[in-house]
Amino acid sequence: MSETLRIAKVYICNNYFTGIPKLTDFQVVEETLGTLNEGDYLVEAKFIRISPDPSEITPNSTPKAFQLARIVESRNPSFYVDDFVVGDFGWRTHTIVRAGTIVEGLQPYVLPEIGPVPKSYGVGLFGVPGIAAYFGLLKVCEVKEGDVIVVSSAAGAVGSCAGQIARIKGCKIIGITSSEEKCAWLKELHFDHCINYKTDDITTKLKEYAPEGVDCYFDNVGGEISSAVIYEMKQHGRICINGATSLYYNEEKKASEVQSPIKMKMVRMEGMNVSRYEDDWYQGLYRNYQWYFEGVLKCKETFIEKFESTSQTFIDVLNGKYFGNVMIKL
């Protein structure tokens, strides 16, 4: 193996920041990788998924991110050269996965054969976004035919998938997003209604679209948007908290009091951590795979070329520039 593959380009978060970060909050450094020991393997990033989750950004460290990576060298009998691996390897071009390393959350795994489908789906529809949508709806929200479902950040990688799965299950779907362009795309995905929170009054629209209330809320944003939805929940409604993007980088975090409607309507609210379903991962993957080939589950992908574009792409994602699954392509 050539020596050049032993050098990884790695992003470091320089500073603790509040609000939307600046390009100067990040830097790219070169890291010389060590040699492989028995049980280790070396991967080269092919797609790096860009997520707005702040838990993935820690000062003086490499931001976390799921990758689809190719194994370029291996001394591990379970991981073969040229296999594609999904793992939380972060904003870096190359990673040595050490034997016996304890990984918080989802363990790296070999992407199963997915036939004539773009490999990038391994960190999208058939990866964390799609699996989170699948189990969030079916296990946390426990959706059933006829339910009224609201999905916030509905044009995102997780939200768009969640809405489509709800439609497959015979539900009425209301998406909340930030532009008419995104609403138009959600209509293409057969969402019943779309609310543009920048121009529409959410409460008014919910009363119009769901006059009897909301059965399940798939929450990706938190904040005032979620407060408005919670006040329109039905008795014994269910809420899946998958994210809180409106609060992550907002220096003036606020939300209306929601304890009263949750108490009075006996609403169940539960957090969604996708690693909880690691043992059932392939169930969700293959179900989404089947729906994809049936033509009832689609995804939108945005690719940004060049590793050095990662920090700018992250900032653009926070500012709502893209929709669907956003990835750095190497």
Protein backbone atom coordinates (compact mmCIF):
# COMPACT_ATOMS: atom_id res chain seq x y z
CA MET A 1 0.00 0.00 0.00
CA SER A 2 1.37 3.45 -0.90
CA GLU A 3 2.52 5.79 1.81
CA THR A 4 0.14 8.53 0.63
CA LEU A 5 -2.82 6.53 1.90
CA ARG A 6 -1.35 6.80 5.38
CA ILE A 7 -2.08 10.52 5.42
CA ALA A 8 -5.62 11.52 6.36
CA LYS A 9 -7.18 14.94 5.93
CA VAL A 10 -9.10 15.71 9.09
CA TYR A 11 -11.36 18.56 10.17
CA ILE A 12 -10.94 20.02 13.65
CA CYS A 13 -13.47 22.29 15.34
CA ASN A 14 -11.33 25.15 16.68
CA ASN A 15 -13.77 26.93 18.94
CA TYR A 16 -16.87 26.62 21.02
CA PHE A 17 -19.43 28.64 19.09
CA THR A 18 -22.95 29.90 19.68
CA GLY A 19 -25.33 30.48 16.83
CA ILE A 20 -24.34 29.54 13.29
CA PRO A 21 -20.60 28.76 13.13
CA LYS A 22 -18.13 30.54 10.86
CA LEU A 23 -15.63 28.97 8.50
CA THR A 24 -12.86 30.10 10.84
CA ASP A 25 -14.31 27.84 13.55
CA PHE A 26 -12.92 24.87 11.60
CA GLN A 27 -9.59 23.91 10.09
CA VAL A 28 -8.30 21.01 8.00
CA VAL A 29 -5.16 19.29 9.23
CA GLU A 30 -3.17 16.31 8.03
CA GLU A 31 -2.87 13.28 10.26
CA THR A 32 -0.28 10.57 9.77
CA LEU A 33 -1.91 7.21 10.34
CA GLY A 34 -0.18 4.34 12.09
CA THR A 35 0.22 0.77 10.94
CA LEU A 36 -2.49 -1.84 11.11
CA ASN A 37 -2.43 -4.38 13.91
CA GLU A 38 -4.20 -7.70 13.92
CA GLY A 39 -7.96 -7.07 13.80
CA ASP A 40 -7.65 -3.52 12.42
CA TYR A 41 -8.82 -2.20 9.06
CA LEU A 42 -8.38 1.04 7.13
CA VAL A 43 -11.26 2.81 5.38
CA GLU A 44 -11.37 5.59 2.82
CA ALA A 45 -14.42 7.89 2.86
CA LYS A 46 -16.65 7.91 -0.22
CA PHE A 47 -19.68 9.80 1.15
CA ILE A 48 -19.84 11.86 4.34
CA ARG A 49 -23.34 12.69 5.53
CA ILE A 50 -23.77 16.25 6.82
CA SER A 51 -26.08 16.42 9.84
CA PRO A 52 -27.03 19.54 11.86
CA ASP A 53 -26.89 17.68 15.18
CA PRO A 54 -24.71 19.70 17.64
CA SER A 55 -23.87 16.61 19.68
CA GLU A 56 -21.55 15.80 16.78
CA ILE A 57 -19.55 19.04 17.18
CA THR A 58 -17.10 19.28 20.09
CA PRO A 59 -14.34 21.93 20.35
CA ASN A 60 -10.78 20.71 19.68
CA SER A 61 -11.99 17.49 18.11
CA THR A 62 -13.18 16.11 14.80
CA PRO A 63 -16.92 16.56 14.15
CA LYS A 64 -18.79 13.27 14.03
CA ALA A 65 -20.56 12.14 10.89
CA PHE A 66 -21.68 8.90 9.32
CA GLN A 67 -19.75 7.81 6.28
CA LEU A 68 -20.02 5.26 3.58
CA ALA A 69 -16.38 4.21 3.29
CA ARG A 70 -14.44 1.61 1.31
CA ILE A 71 -12.03 -0.74 3.05
CA VAL A 72 -8.59 -0.25 1.47
CA GLU A 73 -6.57 -2.48 3.81
CA SER A 74 -7.62 -5.02 6.41
CA ARG A 75 -6.20 -7.34 9.01
CA ASN A 76 -9.67 -8.21 10.25
CA PRO A 77 -11.20 -11.46 8.93
CA SER A 78 -14.72 -10.00 9.17
CA PHE A 79 -13.95 -6.93 7.03
CA TYR A 80 -12.62 -7.48 3.50
CA VAL A 81 -10.79 -5.10 1.19
CA ASP A 82 -13.26 -3.33 -1.15
CA ASP A 83 -16.20 -3.93 1.19
CA PHE A 84 -18.25 -0.81 1.87
CA VAL A 85 -18.67 0.05 5.53
CA VAL A 86 -21.09 2.42 7.25
CA GLY A 87 -19.66 4.01 10.37
CA ASP A 88 -19.55 7.16 12.46
CA PHE A 89 -16.04 8.06 11.28
CA GLY A 90 -16.47 11.83 11.19
CA TRP A 91 -15.19 14.61 8.97
CA ARG A 92 -12.07 12.83 7.75
CA THR A 93 -10.85 11.16 4.58
CA HIS A 94 -9.28 8.01 6.09
CA THR A 95 -9.80 6.14 9.35
CA ILE A 96 -8.11 3.17 10.98
CA VAL A 97 -10.74 1.17 12.85
CA ARG A 98 -8.91 -0.46 15.72
CA ALA A 99 -9.83 -3.92 16.99
CA GLY A 100 -11.60 -3.87 20.31
CA THR A 101 -12.39 -0.16 20.18
CA ILE A 102 -15.52 0.62 22.18
CA VAL A 103 -17.82 2.71 20.00
CA GLU A 104 -20.65 4.74 21.51
CA GLY A 105 -23.84 4.22 19.56
CA LEU A 106 -24.03 2.35 16.29
CA GLN A 107 -21.15 -0.01 15.51
CA PRO A 108 -19.56 0.08 12.03
CA TYR A 109 -21.12 -2.49 9.72
CA VAL A 110 -20.63 -3.79 6.20
CA LEU A 111 -23.27 -2.48 3.81
CA PRO A 112 -25.17 -5.49 2.47
CA GLU A 113 -25.55 -5.97 -1.26
CA ILE A 114 -28.20 -3.50 -2.43
CA GLY A 115 -28.19 -4.28 -6.14
CA PRO A 116 -28.63 -1.53 -8.75
CA VAL A 117 -28.96 1.22 -6.16
CA PRO A 118 -26.49 4.07 -5.55
CA LYS A 119 -24.10 3.20 -2.74
CA SER A 120 -24.85 6.62 -1.23
CA TYR A 121 -28.23 5.26 -0.13
CA GLY A 122 -26.25 3.39 2.53
CA VAL A 123 -26.04 6.64 4.51
CA GLY A 124 -29.50 7.80 3.46
CA LEU A 125 -32.62 5.83 2.75
CA PHE A 126 -30.95 2.56 3.84
CA GLY A 127 -28.89 4.20 6.59
CA VAL A 128 -29.45 6.27 9.72
CA PRO A 129 -32.05 8.67 8.21
CA GLY A 130 -34.22 5.92 6.75
CA ILE A 131 -33.89 3.62 9.75
CA ALA A 132 -34.69 6.46 12.17
CA ALA A 133 -37.83 7.23 10.18
CA TYR A 134 -38.85 3.56 10.06
CA PHE A 135 -38.51 2.78 13.76
CA GLY A 136 -39.55 6.25 14.90
CA LEU A 137 -42.88 5.85 13.18
CA LEU A 138 -43.54 2.16 13.72
CA LYS A 139 -42.08 1.65 17.21
CA VAL A 140 -42.24 5.06 18.89
CA CYS A 141 -45.30 6.62 17.25
CA GLU A 142 -46.95 3.23 16.67
CA VAL A 143 -48.79 4.58 13.64
CA LYS A 144 -51.86 2.85 12.32
CA GLU A 145 -54.09 3.31 9.31
CA GLY A 146 -56.16 6.49 9.46
CA ASP A 147 -53.86 8.35 11.87
CA VAL A 148 -53.14 12.02 11.28
CA ILE A 149 -49.36 12.49 11.27
CA VAL A 150 -47.42 15.77 11.41
CA VAL A 151 -43.75 15.77 10.41
CA SER A 152 -41.55 18.82 11.00
CA SER A 153 -38.44 19.48 8.92
CA ALA A 154 -40.41 17.35 6.49
CA ALA A 155 -38.12 18.01 3.52
CA GLY A 156 -35.06 16.72 5.38
CA ALA A 157 -33.54 13.28 4.99
CA VAL A 158 -35.42 11.81 7.96
CA GLY A 159 -38.62 13.83 7.71
CA SER A 160 -39.26 13.09 4.04
CA CYS A 161 -38.77 9.39 4.65
CA ALA A 162 -41.02 9.44 7.74
CA GLY A 163 -43.83 11.10 5.81
CA GLN A 164 -43.66 8.56 3.01
CA ILE A 165 -43.70 5.62 5.42
CA ALA A 166 -46.73 7.15 7.12
CA ARG A 167 -48.44 7.35 3.72
CA ILE A 168 -47.57 3.70 3.04
CA LYS A 169 -49.26 2.84 6.34
CA GLY A 170 -52.45 4.62 5.28
CA CYS A 171 -52.05 7.79 7.33
CA LYS A 172 -52.87 11.40 6.55
CA ILE A 173 -49.60 13.35 6.42
CA ILE A 174 -49.02 17.03 7.12
CA GLY A 175 -45.49 18.26 6.52
CA ILE A 176 -43.96 21.41 7.97
CA THR A 177 -41.06 23.02 6.11
CA SER A 178 -39.48 26.36 5.21
CA SER A 179 -40.19 27.16 1.55
CA GLU A 180 -42.67 26.73 -1.27
CA GLU A 181 -40.04 24.83 -3.25
CA LYS A 182 -39.80 22.28 -0.45
CA CYS A 183 -43.59 22.12 -0.16
CA ALA A 184 -43.82 21.38 -3.89
CA TRP A 185 -41.42 18.47 -3.45
CA LEU A 186 -43.43 17.11 -0.52
CA LYS A 187 -46.54 17.17 -2.69
CA GLU A 188 -44.60 15.06 -5.22
CA LEU A 189 -44.05 12.59 -2.36
CA HIS A 190 -47.83 12.56 -1.82
CA PHE A 191 -47.94 14.44 1.46
CA ASP A 192 -51.57 15.47 1.92
CA HIS A 193 -50.74 18.98 3.12
CA CYS A 194 -47.69 21.18 3.61
CA ILE A 195 -47.26 24.13 5.96
CA ASN A 196 -44.62 26.75 5.20
CA TYR A 197 -43.77 27.98 8.68
CA LYS A 198 -42.20 31.15 7.28
CA THR A 199 -45.44 32.33 5.66
CA ASP A 200 -48.25 30.32 7.28
CA ASP A 201 -49.67 30.41 10.79
CA ILE A 202 -49.06 26.86 11.98
CA THR A 203 -51.96 26.72 14.44
CA THR A 204 -54.45 28.03 11.88
CA LYS A 205 -53.30 25.56 9.26
CA LEU A 206 -53.35 22.62 11.67
CA LYS A 207 -56.92 23.42 12.68
CA GLU A 208 -57.80 23.50 8.98
CA TYR A 209 -55.95 20.33 7.96
CA ALA A 210 -56.53 18.32 11.16
CA PRO A 211 -59.76 19.64 12.70
CA GLU A 212 -60.06 16.63 15.01
CA GLY A 213 -56.45 16.84 16.14
CA VAL A 214 -53.11 15.14 15.52
CA ASP A 215 -52.48 11.48 16.42
CA CYS A 216 -48.71 11.44 16.02
CA TYR A 217 -46.04 14.11 15.74
CA PHE A 218 -42.62 13.22 14.32
CA ASP A 219 -40.58 16.07 15.78
CA ASN A 220 -37.32 17.09 14.13
CA VAL A 221 -37.21 20.76 15.16
CA GLY A 222 -38.44 21.51 18.70
CA GLY A 223 -39.09 25.14 19.67
CA GLU A 224 -42.19 27.15 18.84
CA ILE A 225 -43.09 24.99 15.85
CA SER A 226 -43.34 21.93 18.05
CA SER A 227 -45.20 23.82 20.76
CA ALA A 228 -47.86 24.76 18.20
CA VAL A 229 -48.24 21.13 17.12
CA ILE A 230 -48.40 19.81 20.68
CA TYR A 231 -51.37 22.06 21.44
CA GLU A 232 -53.23 20.38 18.57
CA MET A 233 -52.59 16.79 19.67
CA LYS A 234 -55.46 14.38 20.28
CA GLN A 235 -56.08 12.57 23.53
CA HIS A 236 -53.40 9.89 23.96
CA GLY A 237 -51.40 11.31 21.07
CA ARG A 238 -47.81 10.15 20.53
CA ILE A 239 -44.72 12.26 19.90
CA CYS A 240 -41.41 10.96 18.57
CA ILE A 241 -38.59 13.41 19.31
CA ASN A 242 -35.96 12.80 16.67
CA GLY A 243 -34.28 16.20 16.73
CA ALA A 244 -34.46 19.86 17.69
CA THR A 245 -32.88 21.73 14.79
CA SER A 246 -34.59 25.03 15.57
CA LEU A 247 -32.82 25.11 18.95
CA TYR A 248 -29.39 23.72 18.15
CA TYR A 249 -27.72 26.96 17.10
CA ASN A 250 -30.30 29.49 18.27
CA GLU A 251 -28.88 31.90 20.82
CA GLU A 252 -32.41 32.85 21.95
CA LYS A 253 -33.84 29.42 22.63
CA LYS A 254 -37.49 29.53 23.54
CA ALA A 255 -40.68 27.54 23.36
CA SER A 256 -44.16 27.92 24.78
CA GLU A 257 -45.17 25.94 27.83
CA VAL A 258 -46.37 22.51 26.69
CA GLN A 259 -46.69 20.60 29.95
CA SER A 260 -50.38 21.46 30.29
CA PRO A 261 -51.59 20.00 26.98
CA ILE A 262 -49.33 16.97 27.42
CA LYS A 263 -50.79 16.36 30.88
CA MET A 264 -54.43 17.07 30.08
CA LYS A 265 -54.44 15.11 26.82
CA MET A 266 -52.26 12.32 28.25
CA VAL A 267 -49.83 12.62 25.36
CA ARG A 268 -46.88 10.24 25.27
CA MET A 269 -43.55 11.84 24.30
CA GLU A 270 -40.50 9.66 23.64
CA GLY A 271 -36.99 10.35 22.39
CA MET A 272 -35.62 8.53 19.36
CA ASN A 273 -32.02 7.27 19.39
CA VAL A 274 -31.51 5.12 16.33
CA SER A 275 -28.76 3.00 17.95
CA ARG A 276 -31.47 1.60 20.23
CA TYR A 277 -32.62 -0.46 17.26
CA GLU A 278 -29.21 -1.79 16.27
CA ASP A 279 -30.29 -5.40 16.81
CA ASP A 280 -33.22 -4.90 14.42
CA TRP A 281 -31.30 -2.72 11.96
CA TYR A 282 -31.57 -5.00 8.95
CA GLN A 283 -35.32 -5.33 9.43
CA GLY A 284 -35.69 -1.61 8.80
CA LEU A 285 -33.07 -1.58 6.05
CA TYR A 286 -34.64 -4.36 4.02
CA ARG A 287 -38.18 -3.02 4.52
CA ASN A 288 -37.13 0.37 3.18
CA TYR A 289 -35.30 -1.43 0.39
CA GLN A 290 -38.46 -3.30 -0.56
CA TRP A 291 -40.57 -0.12 -0.52
CA TYR A 292 -37.97 1.63 -2.66
CA PHE A 293 -38.18 -1.05 -5.35
CA GLU A 294 -41.97 -0.95 -5.18
CA GLY A 295 -41.70 2.74 -6.07
CA VAL A 296 -43.41 4.02 -2.92
CA LEU A 297 -40.34 5.29 -1.05
CA LYS A 298 -38.06 7.87 -2.62
CA CYS A 299 -35.24 10.12 -1.52
CA LYS A 300 -33.51 13.26 -2.70
CA GLU A 301 -29.74 13.47 -2.52
CA THR A 302 -27.49 16.52 -2.73
CA PHE A 303 -23.79 15.93 -3.37
CA ILE A 304 -21.08 18.48 -2.69
CA GLU A 305 -17.70 17.72 -4.22
CA LYS A 306 -14.38 18.16 -2.43
CA PHE A 307 -13.56 17.37 1.20
CA GLU A 308 -12.55 20.98 1.92
CA SER A 309 -16.17 22.01 1.24
CA THR A 310 -17.39 20.17 4.34
CA SER A 311 -17.49 23.10 6.77
CA GLN A 312 -19.24 25.42 4.29
CA THR A 313 -21.75 22.68 3.49
CA PHE A 314 -22.45 22.22 7.20
CA ILE A 315 -23.14 25.96 7.53
CA ASP A 316 -25.38 25.86 4.45
CA VAL A 317 -27.36 22.95 5.92
CA LEU A 318 -27.92 24.94 9.11
CA ASN A 319 -29.19 27.84 7.02
CA GLY A 320 -31.69 25.60 5.22
CA LYS A 321 -30.07 25.83 1.78
CA TYR A 322 -30.58 22.18 0.89
CA PHE A 323 -33.18 19.51 1.36
CA GLY A 324 -33.09 15.74 1.32
CA ASN A 325 -29.89 13.95 2.28
CA VAL A 326 -26.78 16.14 1.97
CA MET A 327 -23.39 14.49 1.50
CA ILE A 328 -19.79 15.29 0.73
CA LYS A 329 -18.73 13.10 -2.20
CA LEU A 330 -15.11 12.04 -2.39
